[in-house]
Amino acid sequence: MTPSQSLPPKAPSFKVRSISLLLVSSLALVGCASTKTAKPPVAETTAPIAASNSEAASTMAPTAPVASAPVASAPLAPATMADTSGQSETSNSAESLSPYASLAEAGERIFFPTDRFDLTDEARSILTRQAAWIKANPGKRVLIAGNCDERGTREYNLALGARRASAARDFLAGLGVDTDRIETVSYGKERPIDERPSAEGWAVNRNAQTMLLD
């Protein structure tokens, strides 16, 4: 073959083909990229750690206060007081027990010297026995009647009899007998129990007699 008949060089056509392939590939890539949906950036989902309990509580919505229903406090059971009062009543009853079956057995009358209404030692002893019986029988009430002998005026003896009854009442009250359970009256010289007009008869009539009312 002669030099004039030799084939032209193929380098330019090869370059053209390579460039064409690159352009087609680029266009294909651009088309694929355009069909993809853009995704938003992912936000950080990790919550910050609270620095302290008070700060953690401040980020929470306030909670409505729960209305607490009033708690009805039951009244104190009276068991303790009942026991105490029962013991007290038992103690008082024990202290006021009387060995006498009746007021008459304890002694109904106390006696006074002439023109006197102060209590003798014997009168105090009888009244002490009366007080024990009265306190041992709380449902009983008594009447104390003051009496005098026949000498002197009626008015004088009524006043003296009243003082004698009051002296007996005050002594019983001092021993713990409720005065609401004691009444007094004066009969003066109107009710003698001994009709003898002598010192012996008069001594008997100067008295204060304690009698049951109910």
C-alpha atoms as a PDB file:
ATOM      1  CA  MET A   1       0.000   0.000   0.000  1.00  0.00           C
ATOM      2  CA  THR A   2       1.230   3.406  -0.766  1.00  0.00           C
ATOM      3  CA  PRO A   3       1.404   6.257   1.709  1.00  0.00           C
ATOM      4  CA  SER A   4      -1.306   8.134  -0.170  1.00  0.00           C
ATOM      5  CA  GLN A   5      -3.715   5.338   0.263  1.00  0.00           C
ATOM      6  CA  SER A   6      -3.182   4.979   4.093  1.00  0.00           C
ATOM      7  CA  LEU A   7      -6.316   5.428   6.399  1.00  0.00           C
ATOM      8  CA  PRO A   8      -6.815   8.697   8.318  1.00  0.00           C
ATOM      9  CA  PRO A   9      -6.080   8.572  12.031  1.00  0.00           C
ATOM     10  CA  LYS A  10      -9.020   7.476  14.309  1.00  0.00           C
ATOM     11  CA  ALA A  11      -8.085   9.479  17.344  1.00  0.00           C
ATOM     12  CA  PRO A  12     -10.553  12.324  16.811  1.00  0.00           C
ATOM     13  CA  SER A  13     -13.585  10.045  16.439  1.00  0.00           C
ATOM     14  CA  PHE A  14     -12.618   8.182  19.570  1.00  0.00           C
ATOM     15  CA  LYS A  15     -12.456  11.416  21.566  1.00  0.00           C
ATOM     16  CA  VAL A  16     -15.847  12.465  20.236  1.00  0.00           C
ATOM     17  CA  ARG A  17     -17.361   9.228  21.331  1.00  0.00           C
ATOM     18  CA  SER A  18     -15.844   9.497  24.789  1.00  0.00           C
ATOM     19  CA  ILE A  19     -17.151  13.035  25.213  1.00  0.00           C
ATOM     20  CA  SER A  20     -20.596  11.963  24.080  1.00  0.00           C
ATOM     21  CA  LEU A  21     -20.680   9.144  26.593  1.00  0.00           C
ATOM     22  CA  LEU A  22     -19.655  11.527  29.363  1.00  0.00           C
ATOM     23  CA  LEU A  23     -22.417  13.956  28.451  1.00  0.00           C
ATOM     24  CA  VAL A  24     -25.032  11.216  28.388  1.00  0.00           C
ATOM     25  CA  SER A  25     -23.866   9.942  31.765  1.00  0.00           C
ATOM     26  CA  SER A  26     -23.978  13.416  33.240  1.00  0.00           C
ATOM     27  CA  LEU A  27     -27.470  14.000  31.959  1.00  0.00           C
ATOM     28  CA  ALA A  28     -28.593  10.670  33.383  1.00  0.00           C
ATOM     29  CA  LEU A  29     -27.144  11.502  36.784  1.00  0.00           C
ATOM     30  CA  VAL A  30     -28.819  14.900  36.775  1.00  0.00           C
ATOM     31  CA  GLY A  31     -32.145  13.314  35.981  1.00  0.00           C
ATOM     32  CA  CYS A  32     -31.845  10.793  38.808  1.00  0.00           C
ATOM     33  CA  ALA A  33     -30.873  13.488  41.269  1.00  0.00           C
ATOM     34  CA  SER A  34     -33.884  15.575  40.299  1.00  0.00           C
ATOM     35  CA  THR A  35     -36.266  12.704  40.952  1.00  0.00           C
ATOM     36  CA  LYS A  36     -35.059  12.209  44.542  1.00  0.00           C
ATOM     37  CA  THR A  37     -37.043  14.011  47.357  1.00  0.00           C
ATOM     38  CA  ALA A  38     -34.961  16.259  49.469  1.00  0.00           C
ATOM     39  CA  LYS A  39     -34.991  15.236  53.134  1.00  0.00           C
ATOM     40  CA  PRO A  40     -34.985  17.891  55.863  1.00  0.00           C
ATOM     41  CA  PRO A  41     -32.149  17.808  58.265  1.00  0.00           C
ATOM     42  CA  VAL A  42     -32.810  15.588  61.274  1.00  0.00           C
ATOM     43  CA  ALA A  43     -33.197  17.631  64.459  1.00  0.00           C
ATOM     44  CA  GLU A  44     -31.427  16.519  67.588  1.00  0.00           C
ATOM     45  CA  THR A  45     -33.939  14.560  69.657  1.00  0.00           C
ATOM     46  CA  THR A  46     -31.895  14.056  72.780  1.00  0.00           C
ATOM     47  CA  ALA A  47     -33.347  16.165  75.579  1.00  0.00           C
ATOM     48  CA  PRO A  48     -30.915  18.081  77.736  1.00  0.00           C
ATOM     49  CA  ILE A  49     -30.260  16.574  81.136  1.00  0.00           C
ATOM     50  CA  ALA A  50     -31.741  18.610  83.968  1.00  0.00           C
ATOM     51  CA  ALA A  51     -29.160  20.117  86.190  1.00  0.00           C
ATOM     52  CA  SER A  52     -31.200  19.695  89.348  1.00  0.00           C
ATOM     53  CA  ASN A  53     -34.566  18.462  90.609  1.00  0.00           C
ATOM     54  CA  SER A  54     -35.928  21.984  90.959  1.00  0.00           C
ATOM     55  CA  GLU A  55     -35.155  22.784  87.360  1.00  0.00           C
ATOM     56  CA  ALA A  56     -36.721  19.558  86.192  1.00  0.00           C
ATOM     57  CA  ALA A  57     -39.835  20.381  88.097  1.00  0.00           C
ATOM     58  CA  SER A  58     -39.972  23.877  86.577  1.00  0.00           C
ATOM     59  CA  THR A  59     -40.229  22.479  83.032  1.00  0.00           C
ATOM     60  CA  MET A  60     -43.290  20.424  83.874  1.00  0.00           C
ATOM     61  CA  ALA A  61     -46.797  21.761  83.514  1.00  0.00           C
ATOM     62  CA  PRO A  62     -48.223  22.796  86.890  1.00  0.00           C
ATOM     63  CA  THR A  63     -50.448  20.164  88.385  1.00  0.00           C
ATOM     64  CA  ALA A  64     -53.772  21.249  89.816  1.00  0.00           C
ATOM     65  CA  PRO A  65     -53.795  20.803  93.584  1.00  0.00           C
ATOM     66  CA  VAL A  66     -55.787  17.814  94.709  1.00  0.00           C
ATOM     67  CA  ALA A  67     -58.540  18.881  97.065  1.00  0.00           C
ATOM     68  CA  SER A  68     -58.167  16.807 100.142  1.00  0.00           C
ATOM     69  CA  ALA A  69     -61.462  15.843 101.664  1.00  0.00           C
ATOM     70  CA  PRO A  70     -61.737  16.899 105.304  1.00  0.00           C
ATOM     71  CA  VAL A  71     -61.064  13.997 107.557  1.00  0.00           C
ATOM     72  CA  ALA A  72     -63.677  13.793 110.232  1.00  0.00           C
ATOM     73  CA  SER A  73     -61.940  13.170 113.480  1.00  0.00           C
ATOM     74  CA  ALA A  74     -63.877  10.762 115.584  1.00  0.00           C
ATOM     75  CA  PRO A  75     -64.593  11.947 119.105  1.00  0.00           C
ATOM     76  CA  LEU A  76     -62.330  10.560 121.719  1.00  0.00           C
ATOM     77  CA  ALA A  77     -63.661   7.377 123.107  1.00  0.00           C
ATOM     78  CA  PRO A  78     -64.745   7.961 126.690  1.00  0.00           C
ATOM     79  CA  ALA A  79     -63.345   4.594 127.773  1.00  0.00           C
ATOM     80  CA  THR A  80     -60.380   6.105 129.580  1.00  0.00           C
ATOM     81  CA  MET A  81     -62.469   8.741 131.294  1.00  0.00           C
ATOM     82  CA  ALA A  82     -65.112   6.199 132.167  1.00  0.00           C
ATOM     83  CA  ASP A  83     -62.509   3.962 133.720  1.00  0.00           C
ATOM     84  CA  THR A  84     -61.062   6.844 135.691  1.00  0.00           C
ATOM     85  CA  SER A  85     -64.440   8.065 136.895  1.00  0.00           C
ATOM     86  CA  GLY A  86     -65.409   4.521 137.715  1.00  0.00           C
ATOM     87  CA  GLN A  87     -62.308   4.129 139.821  1.00  0.00           C
ATOM     88  CA  SER A  88     -62.994   7.482 141.457  1.00  0.00           C
ATOM     89  CA  GLU A  89     -66.586   6.544 142.216  1.00  0.00           C
ATOM     90  CA  THR A  90     -65.458   3.199 143.584  1.00  0.00           C
ATOM     91  CA  SER A  91     -62.877   4.937 145.725  1.00  0.00           C
ATOM     92  CA  ASN A  92     -65.415   7.468 147.002  1.00  0.00           C
ATOM     93  CA  SER A  93     -67.887   4.708 147.741  1.00  0.00           C
ATOM     94  CA  ALA A  94     -65.241   2.777 149.600  1.00  0.00           C
ATOM     95  CA  GLU A  95     -64.354   5.852 151.645  1.00  0.00           C
ATOM     96  CA  SER A  96     -67.994   6.596 152.470  1.00  0.00           C
ATOM     97  CA  LEU A  97     -69.062   3.073 153.386  1.00  0.00           C
ATOM     98  CA  SER A  98     -70.920   3.098 156.675  1.00  0.00           C
ATOM     99  CA  PRO A  99     -71.014   0.158 159.108  1.00  0.00           C
ATOM    100  CA  TYR A 100     -74.506   1.301 160.184  1.00  0.00           C
ATOM    101  CA  ALA A 101     -77.578  -0.233 158.601  1.00  0.00           C
ATOM    102  CA  SER A 102     -79.710   2.861 159.231  1.00  0.00           C
ATOM    103  CA  LEU A 103     -79.436   6.486 160.238  1.00  0.00           C
ATOM    104  CA  ALA A 104     -81.031   5.651 163.573  1.00  0.00           C
ATOM    105  CA  GLU A 105     -78.299   3.118 164.234  1.00  0.00           C
ATOM    106  CA  ALA A 106     -75.640   5.741 163.447  1.00  0.00           C
ATOM    107  CA  GLY A 107     -77.340   8.121 165.887  1.00  0.00           C
ATOM    108  CA  GLU A 108     -80.164  10.568 165.187  1.00  0.00           C
ATOM    109  CA  ARG A 109     -79.728  13.165 167.948  1.00  0.00           C
ATOM    110  CA  ILE A 110     -76.988  15.357 169.311  1.00  0.00           C
ATOM    111  CA  PHE A 111     -77.388  17.337 172.566  1.00  0.00           C
ATOM    112  CA  PHE A 112     -76.416  20.834 173.712  1.00  0.00           C
ATOM    113  CA  PRO A 113     -75.714  22.616 177.009  1.00  0.00           C
ATOM    114  CA  THR A 114     -78.135  25.331 178.139  1.00  0.00           C
ATOM    115  CA  ASP A 115     -78.274  28.361 175.851  1.00  0.00           C
ATOM    116  CA  ARG A 116     -75.478  26.932 173.634  1.00  0.00           C
ATOM    117  CA  PHE A 117     -75.300  25.831 170.020  1.00  0.00           C
ATOM    118  CA  ASP A 118     -71.607  24.831 169.800  1.00  0.00           C
ATOM    119  CA  LEU A 119     -70.909  21.112 169.303  1.00  0.00           C
ATOM    120  CA  THR A 120     -69.574  18.901 172.049  1.00  0.00           C
ATOM    121  CA  ASP A 121     -67.093  16.092 171.362  1.00  0.00           C
ATOM    122  CA  GLU A 122     -69.893  13.544 171.678  1.00  0.00           C
ATOM    123  CA  ALA A 123     -72.019  15.518 169.187  1.00  0.00           C
ATOM    124  CA  ARG A 124     -69.148  15.572 166.692  1.00  0.00           C
ATOM    125  CA  SER A 125     -68.716  11.825 167.012  1.00  0.00           C
ATOM    126  CA  ILE A 126     -72.418  11.207 166.295  1.00  0.00           C
ATOM    127  CA  LEU A 127     -72.419  13.613 163.337  1.00  0.00           C
ATOM    128  CA  THR A 128     -69.355  11.861 161.896  1.00  0.00           C
ATOM    129  CA  ARG A 129     -71.257   8.573 161.910  1.00  0.00           C
ATOM    130  CA  GLN A 130     -74.245  10.309 160.301  1.00  0.00           C
ATOM    131  CA  ALA A 131     -72.052  11.736 157.534  1.00  0.00           C
ATOM    132  CA  ALA A 132     -70.663   8.280 156.740  1.00  0.00           C
ATOM    133  CA  TRP A 133     -74.162   6.831 156.460  1.00  0.00           C
ATOM    134  CA  ILE A 134     -75.508   9.712 154.347  1.00  0.00           C
ATOM    135  CA  LYS A 135     -72.584   9.515 151.886  1.00  0.00           C
ATOM    136  CA  ALA A 136     -73.048   5.754 151.629  1.00  0.00           C
ATOM    137  CA  ASN A 137     -76.689   6.335 150.649  1.00  0.00           C
ATOM    138  CA  PRO A 138     -76.566   8.990 147.903  1.00  0.00           C
ATOM    139  CA  GLY A 139     -80.286   8.786 147.179  1.00  0.00           C
ATOM    140  CA  LYS A 140     -81.231   9.963 150.664  1.00  0.00           C
ATOM    141  CA  ARG A 141     -81.995  13.474 151.914  1.00  0.00           C
ATOM    142  CA  VAL A 142     -82.218  14.526 155.530  1.00  0.00           C
ATOM    143  CA  LEU A 143     -83.886  17.155 157.698  1.00  0.00           C
ATOM    144  CA  ILE A 144     -82.144  18.519 160.804  1.00  0.00           C
ATOM    145  CA  ALA A 145     -84.555  19.905 163.407  1.00  0.00           C
ATOM    146  CA  GLY A 146     -83.277  22.168 166.193  1.00  0.00           C
ATOM    147  CA  ASN A 147     -85.036  21.832 169.591  1.00  0.00           C
ATOM    148  CA  CYS A 148     -84.908  23.603 172.972  1.00  0.00           C
ATOM    149  CA  ASP A 149     -86.191  23.044 176.491  1.00  0.00           C
ATOM    150  CA  GLU A 150     -89.328  24.711 177.776  1.00  0.00           C
ATOM    151  CA  ARG A 151     -87.668  27.649 179.454  1.00  0.00           C
ATOM    152  CA  GLY A 152     -87.456  31.049 177.798  1.00  0.00           C
ATOM    153  CA  THR A 153     -89.676  32.757 175.253  1.00  0.00           C
ATOM    154  CA  ARG A 154     -90.925  31.151 172.081  1.00  0.00           C
ATOM    155  CA  GLU A 155     -89.039  33.595 169.837  1.00  0.00           C
ATOM    156  CA  TYR A 156     -85.776  33.081 171.718  1.00  0.00           C
ATOM    157  CA  ASN A 157     -86.032  29.297 171.499  1.00  0.00           C
ATOM    158  CA  LEU A 158     -86.931  29.354 167.785  1.00  0.00           C
ATOM    159  CA  ALA A 159     -83.751  31.356 167.069  1.00  0.00           C
ATOM    160  CA  LEU A 160     -81.635  29.101 169.292  1.00  0.00           C
ATOM    161  CA  GLY A 161     -83.076  25.963 167.686  1.00  0.00           C
ATOM    162  CA  ALA A 162     -82.188  27.346 164.222  1.00  0.00           C
ATOM    163  CA  ARG A 163     -78.573  27.894 165.288  1.00  0.00           C
ATOM    164  CA  ARG A 164     -78.346  24.343 166.634  1.00  0.00           C
ATOM    165  CA  ALA A 165     -79.654  22.880 163.364  1.00  0.00           C
ATOM    166  CA  SER A 166     -77.255  25.039 161.332  1.00  0.00           C
ATOM    167  CA  ALA A 167     -74.289  23.948 163.444  1.00  0.00           C
ATOM    168  CA  ALA A 168     -75.084  20.296 162.727  1.00  0.00           C
ATOM    169  CA  ARG A 169     -75.568  20.976 158.997  1.00  0.00           C
ATOM    170  CA  ASP A 170     -72.279  22.849 158.679  1.00  0.00           C
ATOM    171  CA  PHE A 171     -70.397  20.032 160.372  1.00  0.00           C
ATOM    172  CA  LEU A 172     -71.873  17.444 157.993  1.00  0.00           C
ATOM    173  CA  ALA A 173     -70.992  19.647 155.026  1.00  0.00           C
ATOM    174  CA  GLY A 174     -67.425  19.877 156.287  1.00  0.00           C
ATOM    175  CA  LEU A 175     -67.287  16.082 156.144  1.00  0.00           C
ATOM    176  CA  GLY A 176     -68.304  16.043 152.487  1.00  0.00           C
ATOM    177  CA  VAL A 177     -72.094  15.794 152.609  1.00  0.00           C
ATOM    178  CA  ASP A 178     -73.734  17.849 149.850  1.00  0.00           C
ATOM    179  CA  THR A 179     -75.736  20.677 151.443  1.00  0.00           C
ATOM    180  CA  ASP A 180     -78.407  20.192 148.760  1.00  0.00           C
ATOM    181  CA  ARG A 181     -79.244  16.973 150.565  1.00  0.00           C
ATOM    182  CA  ILE A 182     -79.696  18.709 153.938  1.00  0.00           C
ATOM    183  CA  GLU A 183     -82.627  20.848 155.085  1.00  0.00           C
ATOM    184  CA  THR A 184     -82.954  22.532 158.466  1.00  0.00           C
ATOM    185  CA  VAL A 185     -85.860  23.655 160.621  1.00  0.00           C
ATOM    186  CA  SER A 186     -86.321  25.005 164.144  1.00  0.00           C
ATOM    187  CA  TYR A 187     -89.135  23.829 166.406  1.00  0.00           C
ATOM    188  CA  GLY A 188     -87.953  25.816 169.426  1.00  0.00           C
ATOM    189  CA  LYS A 189     -89.636  24.442 172.517  1.00  0.00           C
ATOM    190  CA  GLU A 190     -92.725  23.206 170.650  1.00  0.00           C
ATOM    191  CA  ARG A 191     -91.777  19.508 170.423  1.00  0.00           C
ATOM    192  CA  PRO A 192     -90.277  18.232 173.681  1.00  0.00           C
ATOM    193  CA  ILE A 193     -89.471  14.514 173.845  1.00  0.00           C
ATOM    194  CA  ASP A 194     -89.328  14.479 177.638  1.00  0.00           C
ATOM    195  CA  GLU A 195     -92.181  16.104 179.565  1.00  0.00           C
ATOM    196  CA  ARG A 196     -90.394  16.190 182.908  1.00  0.00           C
ATOM    197  CA  PRO A 197     -89.966  19.774 184.185  1.00  0.00           C
ATOM    198  CA  SER A 198     -86.504  18.987 185.529  1.00  0.00           C
ATOM    199  CA  ALA A 199     -82.849  19.292 184.641  1.00  0.00           C
ATOM    200  CA  GLU A 200     -82.887  15.711 183.323  1.00  0.00           C
ATOM    201  CA  GLY A 201     -85.907  16.366 181.073  1.00  0.00           C
ATOM    202  CA  TRP A 202     -84.581  19.686 179.876  1.00  0.00           C
ATOM    203  CA  ALA A 203     -81.184  18.156 178.962  1.00  0.00           C
ATOM    204  CA  VAL A 204     -82.944  15.656 176.689  1.00  0.00           C
ATOM    205  CA  ASN A 205     -85.019  18.356 174.958  1.00  0.00           C
ATOM    206  CA  ARG A 206     -81.977  20.506 174.032  1.00  0.00           C
ATOM    207  CA  ASN A 207     -81.083  18.641 170.820  1.00  0.00           C
ATOM    208  CA  ALA A 208     -80.795  18.586 167.036  1.00  0.00           C
ATOM    209  CA  GLN A 209     -82.437  15.597 165.411  1.00  0.00           C
ATOM    210  CA  THR A 210     -81.494  14.305 161.951  1.00  0.00           C
ATOM    211  CA  MET A 211     -84.417  12.629 160.148  1.00  0.00           C
ATOM    212  CA  LEU A 212     -84.825  11.084 156.703  1.00  0.00           C
ATOM    213  CA  LEU A 213     -86.868  13.052 154.161  1.00  0.00           C
ATOM    214  CA  ASP A 214     -86.916  10.368 151.442  1.00  0.00           C
END
